[in-house]
Protein backbone atom coordinates (compact mmCIF):
# COMPACT_ATOMS: atom_id res chain seq x y z
CA MET A 1 56.61 33.65 79.10
CA ASN A 2 56.01 37.36 78.66
CA GLN A 3 55.25 38.53 75.14
CA PRO A 4 58.08 40.63 73.68
CA ASP A 5 57.30 44.36 73.61
CA GLN A 6 57.66 44.49 69.86
CA ASP A 7 54.92 41.85 69.44
CA ARG A 8 52.40 43.67 71.60
CA PRO A 9 49.68 45.69 69.81
CA ASP A 10 50.29 49.44 69.95
CA LYS A 11 48.24 51.36 72.43
CA ARG A 12 45.82 53.80 70.90
CA ALA A 13 47.10 57.35 70.86
CA ARG A 14 45.45 59.45 73.53
CA ILE A 15 43.00 62.05 72.29
CA LYS A 16 43.51 65.51 73.71
CA PRO A 17 40.33 66.49 75.58
CA THR A 18 39.19 69.82 74.16
CA THR A 19 36.00 71.61 73.16
CA LEU A 20 35.15 73.20 69.84
CA LYS A 21 35.76 76.93 69.48
CA GLY A 22 32.66 78.82 70.54
CA PHE A 23 31.38 75.90 72.62
CA ARG A 24 32.04 75.06 76.27
CA ASP A 25 31.51 72.65 79.11
CA HIS A 26 29.61 73.77 82.20
CA LEU A 27 31.02 73.04 85.65
CA PRO A 28 28.64 72.44 88.57
CA GLY A 29 28.90 75.95 90.05
CA PRO A 30 28.03 77.85 86.86
CA MET A 31 25.47 75.19 85.97
CA LEU A 32 23.67 75.71 89.30
CA ALA A 33 23.57 79.45 88.62
CA ARG A 34 22.22 78.78 85.13
CA GLU A 35 19.49 76.47 86.43
CA HIS A 36 18.54 79.05 89.06
CA LEU A 37 18.06 81.65 86.33
CA ILE A 38 16.00 79.24 84.25
CA ASP A 39 13.84 78.35 87.24
CA THR A 40 13.29 82.07 87.93
CA ALA A 41 12.32 82.68 84.30
CA ARG A 42 9.88 79.77 84.32
CA SER A 43 8.31 81.05 87.53
CA VAL A 44 7.78 84.55 86.13
CA TYR A 45 6.44 83.26 82.80
CA ARG A 46 3.99 80.94 84.51
CA SER A 47 2.77 83.78 86.75
CA TYR A 48 1.49 85.46 83.55
CA GLY A 49 -0.17 82.30 82.25
CA PHE A 50 2.46 81.16 79.73
CA SER A 51 2.64 77.39 79.11
CA PRO A 52 5.76 75.33 78.17
CA ILE A 53 6.44 73.83 74.75
CA ASP A 54 9.44 72.29 72.99
CA THR A 55 10.51 71.85 69.35
CA PRO A 56 13.28 69.80 67.66
CA ALA A 57 16.84 71.12 67.49
CA LEU A 58 16.81 70.35 63.74
CA GLU A 59 14.41 71.86 61.21
CA TYR A 60 14.21 71.63 57.45
CA SER A 61 16.46 74.42 56.20
CA GLU A 62 13.60 76.09 54.32
CA ILE A 63 11.85 76.63 57.66
CA LEU A 64 14.74 78.75 58.95
CA LEU A 65 16.21 80.37 55.84
CA GLY A 66 15.28 83.98 55.16
CA LYS A 67 13.46 84.50 58.48
CA GLY A 68 16.17 86.37 60.36
CA GLY A 69 17.88 88.11 57.47
CA ASP A 70 21.04 87.46 55.46
CA GLU A 71 23.26 87.53 58.53
CA SER A 72 21.27 84.83 60.30
CA ASP A 73 21.32 82.69 57.15
CA LYS A 74 25.13 82.89 57.11
CA GLN A 75 25.26 81.76 60.74
CA LEU A 76 23.17 78.62 60.28
CA PHE A 77 24.72 75.24 61.08
CA ARG A 78 23.34 73.61 57.93
CA PHE A 79 24.03 70.17 56.42
CA THR A 80 22.54 67.24 54.49
CA ASP A 81 21.64 64.35 56.76
CA GLN A 82 21.83 60.61 55.98
CA GLY A 83 18.37 60.78 54.47
CA ASN A 84 19.66 63.39 52.00
CA ARG A 85 17.48 66.04 53.61
CA ASP A 86 18.59 69.68 53.75
CA VAL A 87 18.44 70.47 57.47
CA ALA A 88 19.74 73.14 59.84
CA MET A 89 19.99 73.69 63.57
CA ARG A 90 17.63 76.31 64.94
CA PHE A 91 19.25 79.74 65.40
CA ASP A 92 16.51 81.01 67.69
CA LEU A 93 13.23 79.79 69.19
CA THR A 94 10.91 82.27 67.48
CA VAL A 95 11.02 80.91 63.93
CA PRO A 96 10.36 77.34 65.13
CA LEU A 97 7.46 78.78 67.13
CA ALA A 98 5.92 80.17 63.95
CA ARG A 99 6.16 76.75 62.32
CA TYR A 100 4.84 75.08 65.48
CA ALA A 101 1.87 77.45 65.77
CA ALA A 102 0.91 77.00 62.11
CA GLN A 103 1.22 73.22 62.35
CA HIS A 104 -0.71 72.80 65.63
CA LEU A 105 -3.15 75.70 65.35
CA GLN A 106 -6.26 73.55 65.78
CA GLU A 107 -4.86 71.99 68.95
CA ILE A 108 -3.55 75.09 70.70
CA GLY A 109 -6.10 77.74 69.66
CA THR A 110 -5.49 81.48 69.98
CA PRO A 111 -4.48 83.55 71.75
CA PHE A 112 -1.71 81.14 72.69
CA LYS A 113 0.83 82.04 75.36
CA ARG A 114 3.95 79.88 75.47
CA TYR A 115 7.41 79.85 76.98
CA HIS A 116 10.29 77.77 75.67
CA VAL A 117 13.68 77.10 77.23
CA GLY A 118 15.99 75.50 74.68
CA THR A 119 19.44 75.42 73.10
CA VAL A 120 20.09 77.28 69.85
CA TRP A 121 23.14 77.44 67.56
CA ARG A 122 24.73 80.24 65.54
CA ALA A 123 28.02 79.97 63.65
CA GLU A 124 29.07 83.50 64.53
CA LYS A 125 32.39 84.80 65.82
CA PRO A 126 32.71 83.91 69.51
CA GLN A 127 33.24 86.83 71.85
CA LYS A 128 32.79 87.77 75.48
CA GLY A 129 29.38 86.57 76.67
CA ARG A 130 28.51 85.17 73.24
CA TYR A 131 28.92 81.57 72.11
CA ARG A 132 27.95 79.40 69.16
CA GLU A 133 25.76 77.23 71.36
CA PHE A 134 23.60 78.88 73.98
CA ILE A 135 20.26 78.63 75.73
CA GLN A 136 17.35 80.99 75.15
CA CYS A 137 14.44 81.46 77.52
CA ASP A 138 11.60 82.77 75.35
CA PHE A 139 8.02 83.75 76.00
CA ASP A 140 5.49 84.74 73.33
CA THR A 141 1.82 85.49 72.80
CA ILE A 142 0.47 84.27 69.45
CA GLY A 143 -2.78 85.14 67.70
CA THR A 144 -3.46 88.75 68.70
CA THR A 145 -2.45 92.21 67.49
CA SER A 146 -3.62 93.82 70.73
CA ASN A 147 -1.29 96.40 72.21
CA THR A 148 -2.18 94.86 75.57
CA SER A 149 0.08 91.92 74.74
CA ASP A 150 2.91 94.28 73.80
CA ILE A 151 2.55 96.08 77.11
CA GLU A 152 2.37 92.80 79.03
CA THR A 153 5.58 91.69 77.32
CA LEU A 154 7.33 94.71 78.80
CA PHE A 155 5.83 93.93 82.22
CA VAL A 156 7.20 90.36 82.03
CA ILE A 157 10.69 91.64 81.15
CA HIS A 158 10.57 94.08 84.06
CA ASP A 159 9.38 91.48 86.57
CA LEU A 160 11.92 88.96 85.29
CA MET A 161 14.84 91.34 85.85
CA GLU A 162 13.57 92.17 89.33
CA GLN A 163 13.08 88.54 90.30
CA ILE A 164 16.61 87.69 89.13
CA GLY A 165 17.79 90.34 91.58
CA PHE A 166 18.57 93.44 89.51
CA GLN A 167 17.44 96.90 90.49
CA ALA A 168 19.58 99.02 88.16
CA PHE A 169 18.49 98.21 84.60
CA SER A 170 16.76 99.93 81.72
CA ILE A 171 14.32 98.57 79.13
CA ARG A 172 14.66 100.52 75.90
CA VAL A 173 11.54 100.53 73.77
CA ASN A 174 10.76 101.53 70.20
CA ASN A 175 8.27 100.62 67.50
CA ARG A 176 9.08 99.54 63.95
CA ARG A 177 5.95 101.40 62.79
CA LEU A 178 7.52 104.62 64.02
CA LEU A 179 10.72 103.82 62.13
CA ASN A 180 8.88 102.72 58.99
CA GLY A 181 6.77 105.86 59.13
CA LEU A 182 9.88 107.99 59.24
CA LEU A 183 11.27 106.13 56.23
CA GLU A 184 8.00 106.78 54.38
CA THR A 185 8.36 110.51 54.98
CA LEU A 186 11.92 110.33 53.66
CA ASP A 187 10.85 108.27 50.62
CA LEU A 188 13.02 105.35 51.78
CA THR A 189 10.47 102.55 52.06
CA GLU A 190 12.21 100.38 49.48
CA GLN A 191 15.50 100.66 51.35
CA ALA A 192 13.87 100.01 54.75
CA THR A 193 15.60 96.67 55.42
CA GLY A 194 19.10 97.99 54.74
CA VAL A 195 18.49 101.23 56.62
CA LEU A 196 17.17 99.52 59.76
CA ARG A 197 19.96 96.95 59.84
CA THR A 198 22.50 99.73 59.60
CA LEU A 199 20.72 101.91 62.16
CA ASP A 200 20.82 98.99 64.60
CA LYS A 201 24.63 99.33 64.68
CA LEU A 202 24.47 102.89 65.98
CA ALA A 203 25.34 102.12 69.61
CA LYS A 204 28.30 99.95 68.54
CA VAL A 205 29.99 102.01 65.82
CA GLY A 206 28.65 105.57 66.24
CA PRO A 207 26.73 107.96 63.96
CA ASP A 208 29.56 108.77 61.53
CA LYS A 209 30.15 105.14 60.54
CA VAL A 210 26.41 104.47 60.37
CA ALA A 211 25.90 107.49 58.10
CA ALA A 212 28.76 106.37 55.88
CA GLU A 213 27.40 102.83 55.61
CA MET A 214 23.90 104.11 54.82
CA GLN A 215 25.31 106.08 51.93
CA GLN A 216 27.82 103.55 50.63
CA ALA A 217 26.02 100.25 51.20
CA VAL A 218 22.34 101.23 51.20
CA GLY A 219 22.48 104.11 48.70
CA LEU A 220 21.10 106.98 50.78
CA SER A 221 21.99 110.58 50.17
CA ALA A 222 23.76 112.51 52.91
CA ASP A 223 20.53 114.38 53.71
CA GLN A 224 18.53 111.15 53.92
CA ALA A 225 21.10 109.56 56.25
CA ALA A 226 21.04 112.69 58.40
CA GLY A 227 17.24 112.54 58.52
CA VAL A 228 17.33 108.96 59.81
CA LEU A 229 20.05 109.71 62.35
CA ALA A 230 18.09 112.69 63.65
CA LEU A 231 16.15 110.08 65.61
CA ALA A 232 19.19 109.50 67.81
CA ASP A 233 19.15 113.18 68.85
CA CYS A 234 15.65 112.98 70.33
CA GLN A 235 15.95 113.72 74.03
CA GLY A 236 13.57 113.93 76.98
CA THR A 237 10.88 111.80 78.55
CA PRO A 238 8.99 109.29 76.39
CA GLU A 239 6.05 111.69 76.28
CA GLU A 240 8.27 114.59 75.17
CA ILE A 241 9.96 112.49 72.48
CA LEU A 242 6.63 111.25 71.10
CA GLU A 243 5.26 114.80 71.12
CA SER A 244 8.25 116.00 69.10
CA LEU A 245 8.01 113.12 66.62
CA ALA A 246 4.26 113.28 66.02
CA PRO A 247 4.35 116.31 63.66
CA ARG A 248 7.14 114.75 61.60
CA LEU A 249 5.12 111.56 61.16
CA GLU A 250 1.61 112.95 60.72
CA SER A 251 1.70 112.32 56.95
CA SER A 252 2.33 108.61 57.59
CA GLU A 253 -0.50 106.43 58.91
CA THR A 254 2.07 103.80 59.89
CA GLY A 255 4.16 106.29 61.85
CA THR A 256 1.11 107.79 63.55
CA GLU A 257 0.02 104.33 64.70
CA GLY A 258 3.51 103.68 66.08
CA VAL A 259 3.36 106.89 68.11
CA ALA A 260 -0.09 105.99 69.44
CA ARG A 261 0.88 102.46 70.50
CA LEU A 262 4.00 103.70 72.25
CA GLY A 263 2.00 106.41 73.99
CA GLU A 264 -0.43 103.81 75.31
CA LEU A 265 2.45 101.60 76.45
CA PHE A 266 4.16 104.29 78.52
CA ALA A 267 0.84 105.40 80.00
CA ALA A 268 0.19 101.82 81.13
CA CYS A 269 3.64 101.67 82.72
CA ARG A 270 2.86 104.76 84.78
CA THR A 271 -0.49 103.35 85.86
CA ALA A 272 1.11 100.03 86.86
CA GLY A 273 3.75 101.80 88.94
CA ILE A 274 6.80 100.68 86.97
CA PRO A 275 9.66 103.08 87.83
CA ALA A 276 10.04 105.63 85.06
CA ASP A 277 13.85 105.42 85.09
CA ARG A 278 13.68 101.75 84.07
CA ILE A 279 11.65 102.34 80.88
CA GLN A 280 13.13 104.46 78.09
CA LEU A 281 11.96 105.38 74.61
CA ASP A 282 14.88 104.96 72.22
CA PRO A 283 13.76 105.79 68.65
CA ALA A 284 17.13 104.63 67.28
CA ILE A 285 16.91 100.94 68.19
CA ALA A 286 15.70 98.77 65.33
CA ARG A 287 16.52 95.16 66.30
CA GLY A 288 18.46 93.48 63.51
CA LEU A 289 16.11 90.62 62.68
CA ASP A 290 13.86 91.23 59.70
CA TYR A 291 10.70 89.75 61.17
CA TYR A 292 9.92 92.51 63.69
CA THR A 293 6.98 94.72 62.70
CA GLY A 294 5.91 96.63 65.83
CA THR A 295 7.05 97.30 69.38
CA ILE A 296 10.63 96.21 70.11
CA PHE A 297 12.52 95.86 73.39
CA GLU A 298 16.14 95.76 74.52
CA THR A 299 17.23 95.50 78.16
CA PHE A 300 20.56 96.79 79.51
CA LEU A 301 22.27 96.59 82.88
CA ASP A 302 23.14 100.04 84.18
CA ASP A 303 26.38 98.77 85.74
CA LEU A 304 27.52 96.90 82.62
CA PRO A 305 25.88 98.37 79.50
CA GLU A 306 28.77 97.35 77.25
CA ILE A 307 27.80 93.68 77.46
CA GLY A 308 24.72 94.46 75.35
CA SER A 309 21.05 93.62 75.71
CA VAL A 310 20.28 90.78 78.13
CA CYS A 311 16.58 90.49 77.26
CA SER A 312 15.27 91.47 73.83
CA GLY A 313 12.25 90.93 71.61
CA GLY A 314 9.28 92.54 69.96
CA ARG A 315 6.21 92.17 67.79
CA TYR A 316 6.29 90.09 64.60
CA ASP A 317 2.95 90.11 62.77
CA ASP A 318 3.98 88.37 59.55
CA LEU A 319 6.39 85.61 60.61
CA ALA A 320 3.99 82.67 60.14
CA GLU A 321 2.61 83.80 56.79
CA LEU A 322 4.90 81.41 54.90
CA PHE A 323 3.51 78.48 56.88
CA THR A 324 -0.23 79.20 56.89
CA SER A 325 -2.87 81.48 55.40
CA GLN A 326 -4.25 81.96 58.92
CA PRO A 327 -3.03 85.28 60.40
CA LEU A 328 -0.79 84.50 63.38
CA PRO A 329 0.57 87.77 64.77
CA GLY A 330 2.81 87.47 67.78
CA VAL A 331 4.87 89.34 70.35
CA GLY A 332 7.47 88.13 72.81
CA ALA A 333 11.00 88.34 74.11
CA SER A 334 14.02 86.19 74.96
CA LEU A 335 16.23 86.23 78.04
CA GLY A 336 19.89 86.14 76.98
CA LEU A 337 20.85 83.57 79.58
CA ASP A 338 24.56 83.17 78.85
CA ARG A 339 25.15 86.87 78.35
CA LEU A 340 23.37 87.61 81.62
CA LEU A 341 25.39 84.97 83.47
CA ALA A 342 28.61 86.46 82.10
CA ALA A 343 27.50 89.87 83.33
CA MET A 344 26.54 88.55 86.76
CA GLY A 345 29.92 86.85 87.04
CA GLU A 346 31.71 90.08 86.20
CA LEU A 347 29.61 91.96 88.75
CA GLY A 348 30.28 89.35 91.45
CA LEU A 349 26.62 88.37 91.75
CA LEU A 350 26.95 84.60 91.29
CA GLU A 351 26.99 82.10 94.12
CA THR A 352 30.25 80.17 94.43
CA ALA A 353 28.81 76.88 95.73
CA SER A 354 29.10 73.87 93.45
CA THR A 355 26.61 71.73 95.33
CA SER A 356 22.84 71.78 95.18
CA ALA A 357 22.55 70.64 98.80
CA PRO A 358 23.26 73.00 101.73
CA VAL A 359 23.95 70.19 104.25
CA LEU A 360 26.70 67.56 104.28
CA LEU A 361 26.27 64.55 106.55
CA ALA A 362 29.78 63.45 107.52
CA HIS A 363 30.56 59.72 107.36
CA PHE A 364 32.38 59.55 110.69
CA ASP A 365 31.87 55.93 111.80
CA ALA A 366 31.58 53.11 109.24
CA SER A 367 29.57 50.97 111.65
CA HIS A 368 26.76 53.56 111.48
CA THR A 369 26.54 53.87 107.68
CA ALA A 370 22.89 52.79 107.66
CA ASP A 371 22.08 55.39 110.36
CA TYR A 372 23.68 58.18 108.28
CA LEU A 373 21.68 57.15 105.22
CA ALA A 374 18.45 56.90 107.23
CA THR A 375 19.00 60.35 108.75
CA ALA A 376 19.62 61.82 105.30
CA ARG A 377 16.31 60.37 104.10
CA ARG A 378 14.58 61.96 107.09
CA LEU A 379 16.06 65.35 106.24
CA ARG A 380 15.06 65.11 102.58
CA ALA A 381 11.53 64.12 103.59
CA ALA A 382 11.42 67.37 105.56
CA GLY A 383 12.52 69.32 102.47
CA ILE A 384 16.19 69.73 103.44
CA SER A 385 18.59 68.72 100.65
CA CYS A 386 21.64 66.92 101.94
CA GLU A 387 24.54 64.77 100.81
CA VAL A 388 26.09 61.84 102.65
CA PHE A 389 29.87 61.63 102.30
CA PRO A 390 30.42 58.17 100.74
CA ASP A 391 33.53 57.03 102.64
CA SER A 392 34.51 56.90 106.29
CA ARG A 393 37.54 59.19 106.06
CA PRO A 394 39.24 61.48 108.58
CA LEU A 395 36.87 64.30 109.54
CA GLY A 396 39.35 66.96 108.47
CA LYS A 397 39.27 65.73 104.87
CA GLN A 398 35.47 65.67 104.87
CA LEU A 399 35.32 69.23 106.23
CA LYS A 400 37.80 70.35 103.57
CA TYR A 401 35.58 68.75 100.92
CA ALA A 402 32.52 70.49 102.37
CA ASP A 403 34.25 73.88 102.34
CA ARG A 404 35.49 73.46 98.77
CA LYS A 405 32.06 72.46 97.48
CA GLY A 406 30.29 75.30 99.28
CA PHE A 407 28.14 73.43 101.79
CA ARG A 408 26.54 75.65 104.39
CA LEU A 409 26.35 73.13 107.26
CA VAL A 410 27.93 69.83 108.26
CA ILE A 411 26.31 67.41 110.72
CA ILE A 412 28.54 64.93 112.53
CA ALA A 413 27.91 61.95 114.76
CA GLY A 414 30.20 59.23 116.08
CA VAL A 415 29.81 56.47 118.66
CA ASP A 416 29.34 58.91 121.57
CA GLU A 417 26.76 61.04 119.73
CA PHE A 418 24.74 58.01 118.64
CA ALA A 419 24.76 56.70 122.20
CA ALA A 420 23.51 60.07 123.52
CA GLY A 421 21.08 60.67 120.64
CA ASN A 422 22.82 63.87 119.55
CA TRP A 423 24.51 65.45 116.50
CA GLN A 424 27.32 67.96 116.19
CA LEU A 425 26.25 70.83 113.90
CA LYS A 426 29.08 72.81 112.30
CA ASP A 427 28.39 76.10 110.53
CA LEU A 428 31.00 76.52 107.79
CA VAL A 429 30.29 80.23 107.40
CA SER A 430 30.64 81.29 111.04
CA GLY A 431 32.90 78.41 112.06
CA GLN A 432 30.75 77.75 115.12
CA GLN A 433 29.85 74.24 116.25
CA HIS A 434 27.28 73.09 118.78
CA GLU A 435 25.38 69.99 119.82
CA VAL A 436 21.79 69.30 118.72
CA SER A 437 19.53 66.49 119.85
CA ASN A 438 18.37 64.04 117.21
CA ASN A 439 14.75 65.06 117.90
CA ASP A 440 15.53 68.74 117.27
CA LEU A 441 17.80 68.20 114.25
CA VAL A 442 15.27 68.98 111.51
CA GLU A 443 13.89 72.09 113.21
CA THR A 444 17.38 73.42 113.99
CA LEU A 445 18.57 72.92 110.41
CA GLU A 446 15.45 74.62 109.05
CA GLU A 447 15.94 77.64 111.31
CA THR A 448 19.67 77.94 110.54
CA LEU A 449 19.17 77.70 106.79
CA ALA A 450 16.30 80.20 106.91
CA GLU A 451 18.48 82.73 108.74
CA SER A 452 21.30 82.34 106.21
CA SER A 453 18.94 83.04 103.30
CA ARG A 454 17.79 86.41 104.68
C-alpha cells in the first residue's frame, strides 16, 4: 500500500544557486583565456630567471595589517578561526612575500627572484573589471637596492604586454624619492602619506577635488597644494621633465637621487630599443600603497585607458623590516589578470572556443569505439589535443556540438572509411571536407592546425 502523502517526509527546500556579490564562477571559455594569460606570464617571468613560490591564503592578521595602508586594512577579510587565532585572507602577494623572505632567508639567499600566481581577496566595492576575489601574477626581486633590478622590472612589464599581444600600451613611471623630495622642499614630510594617497586620485577625480582634499583632509595650505599639483603640469619627454624638475629638487638629497635613478632608467630603455612612446614619465602617479619607496610603475592600454592600470608595482625597501633585522629591499610588479581579461573582452581580443582541444573525433559507428579511442591516443602522442565524442549519435548533432564548443577540425570515419583506411576531415572554419588516409592523418592535422595559427 502506498504511504499517504501527508505521512511522507517533506522534501528539502531547493537552494537557489547563486554566487556572493563580488565573486563569480568561471565558464570554460573565459577560463581558457585566463589560463593562457597565466601561461604567458609564467613564460616571460621564467625567461628572466624568476622562480615560482606559493604561500597560504590565510595569514595571521598582524602579518597583513598596516602594510598597505588604512584602506587595505578596511578591505581585509578578517576573522577568528576555530583555534581562536586572529587571521585574515591575503589582500595581495607582496606582503606575504616579505614574510616568506624573512622566514626562509637562509634557504633562498639573495638576490632572490620569484614569481607567484595566486588568488587574493579584498572586501572592496565591486565594479567593472574589479572583484573581491581575483588572481594576481606577481614577480619580484628581493635583496638588492640596485637600479638594475628596477629597470629590469620595467623590461619584464614591457615584454609581458607584448607577449600577451598588445602593441598600443604605455608604462607610466615615477619614483617615490622624487615625490618625497618635492614634499621636503615644501616642508610637507610629515604629511607625506596623506598627500601621496590624495595625489594618487588625480587621474580619477581631477586637480580641483584633489586640491580640496589636500587642504581639508590633509591640512595643506592652498599654496602647498598648488605646489604638489604643479607636478601634473610637467610636460615633454622624460629627459625634459627631469631637467625641469632637477633645479626644484636640488636642495633635497632624496629628490636628487630620484631624478638620477629615473634618468638612468630611461637611458637604459633607449639603449635596449624599447619604443619611446610606450614609456612615459608621470611625476603625478604615487601608487596608493604605503610600502612603496622608489620607482613605481602603472601600465595602461591606449585603446581602453579608463579601465585603469593592468600591470602595476614598484620598489619597496622597508616592507620586511617588521619581520627581520636583515635588510630585504625589493622591487616587482603584478599583472592585473581579471582587469586585463575584462579589457580584452571589451576590445574583442578573446578567443571564443570553450574547448582546450582543436580536434573532435566523431563517434560515428559504435562497433569501432575502440578504434576511435586508439586513434585519439595516437594523435595525443603526436602532440595533437583531441576529444572523442562519448556517444554514437547522429553526425549532425556531433557537428553542432563541435561548432558550439569551438573545435577547429572534426575527423570522421564509418564502416566504409575503416575498410578503406581513410578518414573524413572537416574544417569547421572553412566548411570544407576532404578525405585523408590513416597514414597521413597526423601530418595533415599538424599542417592544417599550423596554417590556422598563422
